[in-house]
């Protein structure tokens, strides 16, 4: 089941995220944030952007979220996306379905472009993004230093809709929670 995250999902989300922080360059965070910080992140994000979880049998197995790409108001219609799947449930198609729900939710909000930022090489992430329709948009060479080496970062983008001129304001995610439109997106992505 795909649903909107709540602060009490923080422990499960942190359990998925912490090993990625500690043993890979998938994220450039260098130490796990802890459950309380993760709960703060969930609460803060939900006002304006989606944070969704994949749950089976009461256990959160994956989460995906969107957030501001840049702080300037002109970027309001672009959002950066992230997804993390528990290592025991990878290769089951969860990432594509959860990411699909995230992208459809962003469309409901009126966000017209999704941006994925990928540490390179990141073959699995690149393949998933391209399967979802993302296109390469550039590379930042030697953008981050972690695990005793420099890493390149690639940017992939996906137009969710043709940008209007002028664009209507983006709908805050909090305004979509509990609506039939969001319920339909989450139910159809299972």
N, C-alpha and C. Protein backbone atom coordinates (compact mmCIF):
# COMPACT_ATOMS: atom_id res chain seq x y z
N UNK A 1 0.84 -1.18 0.00
CA UNK A 1 0.00 0.00 0.00
C UNK A 1 0.89 1.24 0.00
N UNK A 2 0.52 2.21 -0.79
CA UNK A 2 1.21 3.50 -0.80
C UNK A 2 0.35 4.48 -0.02
N UNK A 3 0.98 5.22 0.88
CA UNK A 3 0.25 6.21 1.67
C UNK A 3 1.16 7.39 1.96
N UNK A 4 0.56 8.46 2.46
CA UNK A 4 1.30 9.64 2.87
C UNK A 4 2.03 9.31 4.17
N UNK A 5 3.27 9.70 4.26
CA UNK A 5 4.07 9.47 5.48
C UNK A 5 3.53 10.32 6.62
N UNK A 6 3.77 9.83 7.83
CA UNK A 6 3.49 10.58 9.06
C UNK A 6 4.77 10.55 9.90
N UNK A 7 4.84 11.45 10.86
CA UNK A 7 6.07 11.56 11.67
C UNK A 7 6.44 10.24 12.34
N UNK A 8 5.44 9.43 12.68
CA UNK A 8 5.74 8.16 13.35
C UNK A 8 6.40 7.14 12.41
N UNK A 9 6.50 7.44 11.11
CA UNK A 9 7.24 6.59 10.17
C UNK A 9 8.74 6.86 10.22
N UNK A 10 9.14 7.83 11.01
CA UNK A 10 10.54 8.26 11.01
C UNK A 10 11.51 7.12 11.33
N UNK A 11 11.20 6.31 12.30
CA UNK A 11 12.10 5.21 12.67
C UNK A 11 12.30 4.24 11.52
N UNK A 12 11.20 3.88 10.84
CA UNK A 12 11.29 2.96 9.71
C UNK A 12 12.05 3.60 8.55
N UNK A 13 11.78 4.87 8.27
CA UNK A 13 12.50 5.57 7.20
C UNK A 13 13.98 5.66 7.53
N UNK A 14 14.27 5.95 8.79
CA UNK A 14 15.68 6.04 9.19
C UNK A 14 16.38 4.69 9.06
N UNK A 15 15.69 3.62 9.39
CA UNK A 15 16.29 2.29 9.27
C UNK A 15 16.63 1.96 7.81
N UNK A 16 15.85 2.46 6.88
CA UNK A 16 16.13 2.27 5.45
C UNK A 16 17.31 3.15 5.03
N UNK A 17 17.32 4.38 5.54
CA UNK A 17 18.28 5.39 5.10
C UNK A 17 19.67 5.24 5.72
N UNK A 18 19.75 4.90 6.98
CA UNK A 18 21.03 4.87 7.69
C UNK A 18 22.09 4.01 7.01
N UNK A 19 21.78 2.78 6.57
CA UNK A 19 22.82 1.98 5.90
C UNK A 19 23.32 2.62 4.60
N UNK A 20 22.44 3.34 3.90
CA UNK A 20 22.82 4.02 2.67
C UNK A 20 23.81 5.14 3.00
N UNK A 21 23.53 5.87 4.07
CA UNK A 21 24.42 6.95 4.50
C UNK A 21 25.79 6.39 4.88
N UNK A 22 25.79 5.33 5.64
CA UNK A 22 27.02 4.80 6.21
C UNK A 22 27.91 4.07 5.21
N UNK A 23 27.32 3.46 4.17
CA UNK A 23 28.13 2.58 3.33
C UNK A 23 28.14 2.93 1.85
N UNK A 24 27.56 4.05 1.47
CA UNK A 24 27.52 4.37 0.04
C UNK A 24 27.63 5.88 -0.18
N UNK A 25 27.78 6.24 -1.43
CA UNK A 25 27.78 7.65 -1.82
C UNK A 25 26.46 8.02 -2.51
N UNK A 26 25.46 7.16 -2.38
CA UNK A 26 24.15 7.47 -2.96
C UNK A 26 23.63 8.79 -2.41
N UNK A 27 23.85 9.02 -1.12
CA UNK A 27 23.56 10.30 -0.50
C UNK A 27 24.88 10.89 -0.04
N UNK A 28 24.99 12.20 -0.05
CA UNK A 28 26.22 12.83 0.42
C UNK A 28 26.13 13.18 1.91
N UNK A 29 25.05 12.82 2.56
CA UNK A 29 25.01 12.97 4.01
C UNK A 29 26.03 11.98 4.58
N UNK A 30 26.79 12.40 5.58
CA UNK A 30 27.91 11.57 6.04
C UNK A 30 27.66 10.86 7.37
N UNK A 31 26.60 11.23 8.08
CA UNK A 31 26.23 10.48 9.28
C UNK A 31 24.71 10.42 9.37
N UNK A 32 24.17 9.29 9.78
CA UNK A 32 22.72 9.14 9.85
C UNK A 32 22.10 10.22 10.76
N UNK A 33 20.96 10.78 10.35
CA UNK A 33 20.40 11.90 11.09
C UNK A 33 19.71 11.53 12.40
N UNK A 34 19.27 10.28 12.54
CA UNK A 34 18.53 9.87 13.73
C UNK A 34 17.03 9.98 13.51
N UNK A 35 16.28 9.28 14.34
CA UNK A 35 14.83 9.23 14.19
C UNK A 35 14.16 10.59 14.38
N UNK A 36 14.61 11.35 15.38
CA UNK A 36 13.98 12.65 15.64
C UNK A 36 14.17 13.61 14.47
N UNK A 37 15.37 13.65 13.93
CA UNK A 37 15.62 14.53 12.78
C UNK A 37 14.81 14.06 11.57
N UNK A 38 14.68 12.76 11.40
CA UNK A 38 13.88 12.24 10.28
C UNK A 38 12.41 12.63 10.47
N UNK A 39 11.92 12.56 11.68
CA UNK A 39 10.52 12.99 11.94
C UNK A 39 10.35 14.46 11.62
N UNK A 40 11.33 15.28 11.98
CA UNK A 40 11.28 16.71 11.66
C UNK A 40 11.27 16.93 10.15
N UNK A 41 12.06 16.14 9.43
CA UNK A 41 12.10 16.26 7.97
C UNK A 41 10.74 15.92 7.35
N UNK A 42 10.14 14.86 7.84
CA UNK A 42 8.83 14.46 7.31
C UNK A 42 7.80 15.57 7.56
N UNK A 43 7.72 16.03 8.79
CA UNK A 43 6.75 17.08 9.13
C UNK A 43 6.98 18.33 8.29
N UNK A 44 8.22 18.75 8.15
CA UNK A 44 8.53 19.98 7.40
C UNK A 44 8.19 19.83 5.92
N UNK A 45 8.48 18.69 5.35
CA UNK A 45 8.29 18.49 3.92
C UNK A 45 6.81 18.47 3.56
N UNK A 46 5.96 17.87 4.40
CA UNK A 46 4.56 17.63 4.04
C UNK A 46 3.74 18.89 3.83
N UNK A 47 4.18 20.02 4.31
CA UNK A 47 3.42 21.25 4.08
C UNK A 47 3.34 21.56 2.59
N UNK A 48 4.44 21.41 1.88
CA UNK A 48 4.49 21.82 0.48
C UNK A 48 4.75 20.72 -0.53
N UNK A 49 5.36 19.62 -0.11
CA UNK A 49 5.75 18.57 -1.04
C UNK A 49 5.39 17.19 -0.49
N UNK A 50 5.20 16.22 -1.37
CA UNK A 50 4.82 14.89 -0.92
C UNK A 50 5.98 14.10 -0.32
N UNK A 51 5.65 13.31 0.68
CA UNK A 51 6.53 12.26 1.22
C UNK A 51 5.64 11.04 1.33
N UNK A 52 5.91 10.04 0.52
CA UNK A 52 5.08 8.85 0.45
C UNK A 52 5.87 7.63 0.94
N UNK A 53 5.14 6.66 1.49
CA UNK A 53 5.78 5.41 1.92
C UNK A 53 5.07 4.23 1.27
N UNK A 54 5.84 3.16 1.10
CA UNK A 54 5.32 1.86 0.65
C UNK A 54 5.28 0.99 1.90
N UNK A 55 4.10 0.50 2.24
CA UNK A 55 3.92 -0.29 3.45
C UNK A 55 3.33 -1.65 3.10
N UNK A 56 3.87 -2.70 3.72
CA UNK A 56 3.33 -4.05 3.59
C UNK A 56 3.26 -4.67 4.97
N UNK A 57 2.10 -5.18 5.34
CA UNK A 57 1.95 -5.84 6.63
C UNK A 57 2.34 -4.95 7.80
N UNK A 58 2.09 -3.67 7.69
CA UNK A 58 2.42 -2.73 8.76
C UNK A 58 3.87 -2.29 8.78
N UNK A 59 4.67 -2.74 7.81
CA UNK A 59 6.09 -2.39 7.76
C UNK A 59 6.38 -1.47 6.58
N UNK A 60 7.05 -0.35 6.84
CA UNK A 60 7.47 0.56 5.78
C UNK A 60 8.70 -0.02 5.11
N UNK A 61 8.60 -0.26 3.80
CA UNK A 61 9.69 -0.88 3.05
C UNK A 61 10.40 0.08 2.11
N UNK A 62 9.79 1.24 1.86
CA UNK A 62 10.39 2.23 0.97
C UNK A 62 9.72 3.57 1.22
N UNK A 63 10.43 4.63 0.83
CA UNK A 63 9.82 5.96 0.88
C UNK A 63 10.39 6.81 -0.24
N UNK A 64 9.57 7.77 -0.66
CA UNK A 64 9.96 8.69 -1.73
C UNK A 64 9.40 10.06 -1.38
N UNK A 65 10.15 11.08 -1.74
CA UNK A 65 9.68 12.43 -1.45
C UNK A 65 10.18 13.40 -2.51
N UNK A 66 9.53 14.56 -2.52
CA UNK A 66 9.96 15.66 -3.39
C UNK A 66 10.25 16.86 -2.49
N UNK A 67 11.03 17.78 -3.01
CA UNK A 67 11.35 18.99 -2.27
C UNK A 67 11.78 20.10 -3.21
N UNK A 68 11.92 21.27 -2.66
CA UNK A 68 12.33 22.42 -3.47
C UNK A 68 13.63 22.12 -4.19
N UNK A 69 13.71 22.51 -5.45
CA UNK A 69 14.95 22.37 -6.20
C UNK A 69 15.92 23.47 -5.81
N UNK A 70 15.46 24.71 -5.78
CA UNK A 70 16.24 25.87 -5.36
C UNK A 70 15.30 26.80 -4.62
N UNK A 71 15.85 27.72 -3.85
CA UNK A 71 15.04 28.59 -3.00
C UNK A 71 14.36 29.74 -3.71
N UNK A 72 14.83 30.18 -4.84
CA UNK A 72 14.24 31.33 -5.53
C UNK A 72 12.82 31.00 -6.03
N UNK A 73 11.93 31.97 -5.93
CA UNK A 73 10.52 31.77 -6.29
C UNK A 73 10.33 31.31 -7.73
N UNK A 74 11.19 31.71 -8.63
CA UNK A 74 11.06 31.33 -10.04
C UNK A 74 11.18 29.81 -10.24
N UNK A 75 11.75 29.11 -9.26
CA UNK A 75 11.90 27.65 -9.33
C UNK A 75 10.72 26.89 -8.73
N UNK A 76 9.66 27.56 -8.33
CA UNK A 76 8.55 26.90 -7.63
C UNK A 76 7.98 25.70 -8.38
N UNK A 77 8.07 25.66 -9.69
CA UNK A 77 7.44 24.62 -10.50
C UNK A 77 8.39 23.45 -10.80
N UNK A 78 9.55 23.44 -10.16
CA UNK A 78 10.53 22.35 -10.31
C UNK A 78 10.76 21.77 -8.92
N UNK A 79 10.78 20.45 -8.82
CA UNK A 79 11.04 19.81 -7.53
C UNK A 79 12.04 18.68 -7.70
N UNK A 80 12.93 18.54 -6.72
CA UNK A 80 13.89 17.44 -6.70
C UNK A 80 13.25 16.24 -6.03
N UNK A 81 13.50 15.07 -6.55
CA UNK A 81 12.90 13.85 -6.03
C UNK A 81 13.97 12.92 -5.45
N UNK A 82 13.54 12.10 -4.49
CA UNK A 82 14.43 11.09 -3.89
C UNK A 82 13.60 9.86 -3.53
N UNK A 83 14.25 8.71 -3.58
CA UNK A 83 13.59 7.46 -3.19
C UNK A 83 14.62 6.54 -2.54
N UNK A 84 14.17 5.83 -1.51
CA UNK A 84 15.01 4.86 -0.81
C UNK A 84 14.17 3.60 -0.56
N UNK A 85 14.73 2.45 -0.90
CA UNK A 85 14.04 1.18 -0.75
C UNK A 85 14.87 0.30 0.17
N UNK A 86 14.22 -0.36 1.13
CA UNK A 86 14.92 -1.27 2.05
C UNK A 86 15.67 -2.32 1.23
N UNK A 87 16.90 -2.59 1.63
CA UNK A 87 17.74 -3.50 0.86
C UNK A 87 17.14 -4.89 0.70
N UNK A 88 16.29 -5.34 1.62
CA UNK A 88 15.71 -6.68 1.52
C UNK A 88 14.56 -6.76 0.52
N UNK A 89 14.10 -5.60 0.02
CA UNK A 89 12.96 -5.62 -0.89
C UNK A 89 13.27 -5.01 -2.26
N UNK A 90 14.52 -4.85 -2.57
CA UNK A 90 14.87 -4.30 -3.88
C UNK A 90 14.61 -5.33 -4.98
N UNK A 91 14.43 -4.84 -6.20
CA UNK A 91 14.19 -5.66 -7.40
C UNK A 91 12.80 -6.31 -7.39
N UNK A 92 11.83 -5.67 -6.72
CA UNK A 92 10.45 -6.17 -6.72
C UNK A 92 9.50 -5.22 -7.44
N UNK A 93 10.02 -4.14 -8.01
CA UNK A 93 9.17 -3.18 -8.70
C UNK A 93 8.58 -2.12 -7.79
N UNK A 94 8.93 -2.16 -6.51
CA UNK A 94 8.39 -1.18 -5.56
C UNK A 94 8.84 0.23 -5.93
N UNK A 95 10.11 0.39 -6.29
CA UNK A 95 10.63 1.73 -6.58
C UNK A 95 9.86 2.39 -7.71
N UNK A 96 9.63 1.67 -8.79
CA UNK A 96 8.92 2.27 -9.93
C UNK A 96 7.49 2.64 -9.59
N UNK A 97 6.81 1.80 -8.84
CA UNK A 97 5.41 2.11 -8.49
C UNK A 97 5.35 3.27 -7.50
N UNK A 98 6.23 3.28 -6.52
CA UNK A 98 6.23 4.37 -5.54
C UNK A 98 6.65 5.68 -6.20
N UNK A 99 7.67 5.62 -7.03
CA UNK A 99 8.13 6.83 -7.74
C UNK A 99 7.05 7.32 -8.69
N UNK A 100 6.35 6.39 -9.33
CA UNK A 100 5.23 6.77 -10.20
C UNK A 100 4.16 7.53 -9.44
N UNK A 101 3.84 7.06 -8.24
CA UNK A 101 2.85 7.75 -7.40
C UNK A 101 3.35 9.13 -7.01
N UNK A 102 4.62 9.23 -6.70
CA UNK A 102 5.21 10.53 -6.35
C UNK A 102 5.07 11.51 -7.52
N UNK A 103 5.43 11.07 -8.71
CA UNK A 103 5.37 11.93 -9.89
C UNK A 103 3.94 12.35 -10.21
N UNK A 104 2.99 11.42 -10.09
CA UNK A 104 1.58 11.76 -10.33
C UNK A 104 1.07 12.75 -9.28
N UNK A 105 1.52 12.60 -8.05
CA UNK A 105 1.14 13.55 -7.00
C UNK A 105 1.68 14.93 -7.31
N UNK A 106 2.91 14.99 -7.79
CA UNK A 106 3.50 16.27 -8.17
C UNK A 106 2.72 16.91 -9.32
N UNK A 107 2.23 16.09 -10.26
CA UNK A 107 1.39 16.62 -11.34
C UNK A 107 0.12 17.25 -10.77
N UNK A 108 -0.49 16.58 -9.80
CA UNK A 108 -1.69 17.14 -9.15
C UNK A 108 -1.40 18.51 -8.55
N UNK A 109 -0.22 18.68 -8.04
CA UNK A 109 0.16 19.95 -7.42
C UNK A 109 0.40 21.06 -8.43
N UNK A 110 0.62 20.69 -9.68
CA UNK A 110 0.96 21.68 -10.68
C UNK A 110 2.46 21.89 -10.83
N UNK A 111 3.25 20.98 -10.25
CA UNK A 111 4.70 21.01 -10.46
C UNK A 111 4.93 20.48 -11.88
N UNK A 112 5.69 21.21 -12.69
CA UNK A 112 5.81 20.77 -14.08
C UNK A 112 7.13 20.08 -14.43
N UNK A 113 8.07 20.03 -13.48
CA UNK A 113 9.34 19.35 -13.79
C UNK A 113 9.89 18.67 -12.53
N UNK A 114 10.27 17.41 -12.68
CA UNK A 114 10.92 16.66 -11.62
C UNK A 114 12.40 16.54 -11.97
N UNK A 115 13.25 16.64 -10.96
CA UNK A 115 14.69 16.55 -11.15
C UNK A 115 15.22 15.46 -10.22
N UNK A 116 15.95 14.52 -10.79
CA UNK A 116 16.63 13.50 -10.01
C UNK A 116 18.13 13.78 -10.03
N UNK A 117 18.75 13.78 -8.86
CA UNK A 117 20.18 14.03 -8.73
C UNK A 117 20.82 12.71 -8.31
N UNK A 118 21.74 12.20 -9.13
CA UNK A 118 22.26 10.85 -8.96
C UNK A 118 23.78 10.86 -8.86
N UNK A 119 24.30 10.24 -7.80
CA UNK A 119 25.74 10.06 -7.68
C UNK A 119 26.18 9.05 -8.74
N UNK A 120 27.23 9.40 -9.47
CA UNK A 120 27.72 8.55 -10.56
C UNK A 120 29.01 7.85 -10.19
N UNK A 121 29.20 6.59 -10.61
CA UNK A 121 28.25 5.84 -11.39
C UNK A 121 27.08 5.37 -10.52
N UNK A 122 25.91 5.35 -11.06
CA UNK A 122 24.72 4.93 -10.34
C UNK A 122 23.80 4.21 -11.31
N UNK A 123 24.28 3.10 -11.84
CA UNK A 123 23.59 2.41 -12.93
C UNK A 123 22.14 2.07 -12.62
N UNK A 124 21.86 1.56 -11.42
CA UNK A 124 20.48 1.19 -11.08
C UNK A 124 19.58 2.42 -11.03
N UNK A 125 20.07 3.48 -10.44
CA UNK A 125 19.28 4.71 -10.33
C UNK A 125 19.08 5.35 -11.70
N UNK A 126 20.13 5.38 -12.49
CA UNK A 126 20.01 5.93 -13.85
C UNK A 126 18.98 5.12 -14.64
N UNK A 127 19.06 3.79 -14.57
CA UNK A 127 18.12 2.93 -15.31
C UNK A 127 16.69 3.17 -14.86
N UNK A 128 16.46 3.29 -13.55
CA UNK A 128 15.10 3.53 -13.07
C UNK A 128 14.58 4.88 -13.54
N UNK A 129 15.40 5.93 -13.41
CA UNK A 129 14.96 7.25 -13.84
C UNK A 129 14.64 7.27 -15.34
N UNK A 130 15.50 6.67 -16.13
CA UNK A 130 15.26 6.67 -17.56
C UNK A 130 14.05 5.83 -17.93
N UNK A 131 13.80 4.74 -17.20
CA UNK A 131 12.59 3.94 -17.42
C UNK A 131 11.33 4.75 -17.10
N UNK A 132 11.45 5.72 -16.19
CA UNK A 132 10.32 6.57 -15.80
C UNK A 132 10.18 7.77 -16.76
N UNK A 133 11.09 7.89 -17.73
CA UNK A 133 11.00 8.96 -18.71
C UNK A 133 11.94 10.13 -18.49
N UNK A 134 12.77 10.08 -17.45
CA UNK A 134 13.73 11.15 -17.20
C UNK A 134 14.80 11.15 -18.30
N UNK A 135 15.32 12.32 -18.58
CA UNK A 135 16.38 12.49 -19.56
C UNK A 135 17.60 13.12 -18.89
N UNK A 136 18.82 12.75 -19.32
CA UNK A 136 20.02 13.38 -18.74
C UNK A 136 20.00 14.89 -18.99
N UNK A 137 20.37 15.64 -17.96
CA UNK A 137 20.37 17.11 -18.08
C UNK A 137 21.73 17.72 -17.75
N UNK A 138 22.68 16.91 -17.33
CA UNK A 138 24.00 17.45 -17.06
C UNK A 138 24.74 16.68 -15.98
N UNK A 139 26.02 16.96 -15.86
CA UNK A 139 26.87 16.32 -14.86
C UNK A 139 27.70 17.40 -14.16
N UNK A 140 27.74 17.30 -12.83
CA UNK A 140 28.64 18.14 -12.03
C UNK A 140 29.85 17.27 -11.68
N UNK A 141 30.99 17.48 -12.32
CA UNK A 141 32.16 16.63 -12.03
C UNK A 141 32.69 16.89 -10.62
N UNK A 142 33.11 15.80 -9.99
CA UNK A 142 33.74 15.86 -8.66
C UNK A 142 32.96 16.79 -7.73
N UNK A 143 31.66 16.56 -7.64
CA UNK A 143 30.77 17.44 -6.87
C UNK A 143 30.77 17.14 -5.37
N UNK A 144 31.13 15.92 -4.99
CA UNK A 144 31.09 15.57 -3.57
C UNK A 144 32.21 14.63 -3.19
N UNK A 145 32.69 14.79 -1.96
CA UNK A 145 33.77 13.94 -1.44
C UNK A 145 33.21 13.11 -0.29
N UNK A 146 33.25 11.79 -0.46
CA UNK A 146 32.76 10.87 0.56
C UNK A 146 33.45 9.53 0.35
N UNK A 147 33.66 8.81 1.42
CA UNK A 147 34.28 7.49 1.36
C UNK A 147 35.63 7.54 0.65
N UNK A 148 36.40 8.57 0.98
CA UNK A 148 37.78 8.72 0.52
C UNK A 148 37.94 8.93 -0.98
N UNK A 149 36.91 9.49 -1.63
CA UNK A 149 37.06 9.79 -3.05
C UNK A 149 36.07 10.86 -3.48
N UNK A 150 36.34 11.43 -4.65
CA UNK A 150 35.44 12.41 -5.27
C UNK A 150 34.43 11.69 -6.14
N UNK A 151 33.20 12.20 -6.14
CA UNK A 151 32.11 11.61 -6.92
C UNK A 151 31.51 12.65 -7.86
N UNK A 152 31.21 12.23 -9.08
CA UNK A 152 30.44 13.06 -10.00
C UNK A 152 28.96 12.93 -9.65
N UNK A 153 28.21 13.96 -10.00
CA UNK A 153 26.76 13.94 -9.79
C UNK A 153 26.08 14.25 -11.11
N UNK A 154 25.15 13.38 -11.50
CA UNK A 154 24.37 13.60 -12.71
C UNK A 154 22.99 14.13 -12.36
N UNK A 155 22.45 14.91 -13.27
CA UNK A 155 21.11 15.45 -13.11
C UNK A 155 20.25 14.90 -14.23
N UNK A 156 19.08 14.36 -13.88
CA UNK A 156 18.10 13.87 -14.83
C UNK A 156 16.82 14.66 -14.61
N UNK A 157 16.12 15.00 -15.69
CA UNK A 157 14.89 15.77 -15.53
C UNK A 157 13.75 15.14 -16.33
N UNK A 158 12.55 15.40 -15.85
CA UNK A 158 11.33 14.91 -16.48
C UNK A 158 10.29 16.02 -16.45
N UNK A 159 9.78 16.40 -17.63
CA UNK A 159 8.66 17.34 -17.66
C UNK A 159 7.39 16.57 -17.34
N UNK A 160 6.71 16.98 -16.30
CA UNK A 160 5.46 16.36 -15.87
C UNK A 160 4.27 16.93 -16.64
N UNK A 161 4.41 18.17 -17.08
CA UNK A 161 3.39 18.82 -17.90
C UNK A 161 4.06 19.98 -18.63
N UNK A 162 3.41 20.43 -19.67
CA UNK A 162 3.92 21.58 -20.40
C UNK A 162 3.75 22.82 -19.53
N UNK A 163 4.80 23.59 -19.30
CA UNK A 163 4.68 24.77 -18.44
C UNK A 163 3.72 25.80 -19.05
N UNK A 164 2.81 26.28 -18.24
CA UNK A 164 1.86 27.32 -18.67
C UNK A 164 2.54 28.68 -18.58
N UNK A 165 2.01 29.63 -19.35
CA UNK A 165 2.57 30.97 -19.31
C UNK A 165 1.43 31.98 -19.23
N UNK A 166 1.16 32.55 -18.08
CA UNK A 166 1.86 32.37 -16.81
C UNK A 166 1.37 31.10 -16.10
N UNK A 167 2.19 30.54 -15.23
CA UNK A 167 1.80 29.31 -14.54
C UNK A 167 0.91 29.61 -13.33
N UNK A 168 -0.07 28.72 -13.07
CA UNK A 168 -0.83 28.88 -11.84
C UNK A 168 0.06 28.52 -10.65
N UNK A 169 -0.27 29.01 -9.45
CA UNK A 169 0.55 28.65 -8.28
C UNK A 169 0.52 27.14 -8.04
N UNK A 170 1.62 26.62 -7.52
CA UNK A 170 1.69 25.22 -7.14
C UNK A 170 0.79 25.01 -5.92
N UNK A 171 0.04 23.92 -5.93
CA UNK A 171 -0.83 23.57 -4.81
C UNK A 171 0.02 22.99 -3.69
N UNK A 172 -0.01 23.56 -2.49
CA UNK A 172 0.74 22.96 -1.38
C UNK A 172 0.27 21.53 -1.14
N UNK A 173 1.20 20.63 -0.87
CA UNK A 173 0.83 19.23 -0.68
C UNK A 173 -0.20 19.07 0.44
N UNK A 174 -0.09 19.84 1.50
CA UNK A 174 -1.03 19.73 2.62
C UNK A 174 -2.47 19.92 2.15
N UNK A 175 -2.68 20.71 1.10
CA UNK A 175 -4.03 20.93 0.57
C UNK A 175 -4.57 19.72 -0.18
N UNK A 176 -3.71 18.80 -0.58
CA UNK A 176 -4.14 17.59 -1.29
C UNK A 176 -4.45 16.43 -0.36
N UNK A 177 -3.89 16.46 0.84
CA UNK A 177 -4.07 15.34 1.77
C UNK A 177 -5.56 15.17 2.07
N UNK A 178 -6.03 13.95 1.91
CA UNK A 178 -7.44 13.64 2.17
C UNK A 178 -8.37 13.88 0.99
N UNK A 179 -7.85 14.34 -0.14
CA UNK A 179 -8.71 14.59 -1.30
C UNK A 179 -8.92 13.31 -2.11
N UNK A 180 -10.05 13.21 -2.80
CA UNK A 180 -10.28 12.06 -3.68
C UNK A 180 -9.21 11.95 -4.78
N UNK A 181 -8.72 13.07 -5.28
CA UNK A 181 -7.71 13.03 -6.34
C UNK A 181 -6.44 12.35 -5.86
N UNK A 182 -5.96 12.71 -4.67
CA UNK A 182 -4.76 12.07 -4.13
C UNK A 182 -5.03 10.61 -3.81
N UNK A 183 -6.18 10.31 -3.22
CA UNK A 183 -6.52 8.92 -2.90
C UNK A 183 -6.52 8.06 -4.17
N UNK A 184 -7.00 8.62 -5.26
CA UNK A 184 -7.03 7.89 -6.53
C UNK A 184 -5.62 7.61 -7.03
N UNK A 185 -4.73 8.59 -6.95
CA UNK A 185 -3.35 8.40 -7.38
C UNK A 185 -2.68 7.31 -6.55
N UNK A 186 -2.85 7.36 -5.25
CA UNK A 186 -2.19 6.39 -4.37
C UNK A 186 -2.76 4.99 -4.59
N UNK A 187 -4.06 4.87 -4.79
CA UNK A 187 -4.69 3.57 -5.00
C UNK A 187 -4.31 2.96 -6.35
N UNK A 188 -4.15 3.80 -7.37
CA UNK A 188 -3.85 3.28 -8.71
C UNK A 188 -2.40 2.87 -8.89
N UNK A 189 -1.54 3.23 -7.96
CA UNK A 189 -0.11 2.95 -8.08
C UNK A 189 0.32 1.69 -7.37
N UNK A 190 -0.59 0.96 -6.80
CA UNK A 190 -0.23 -0.23 -6.02
C UNK A 190 0.28 -1.36 -6.90
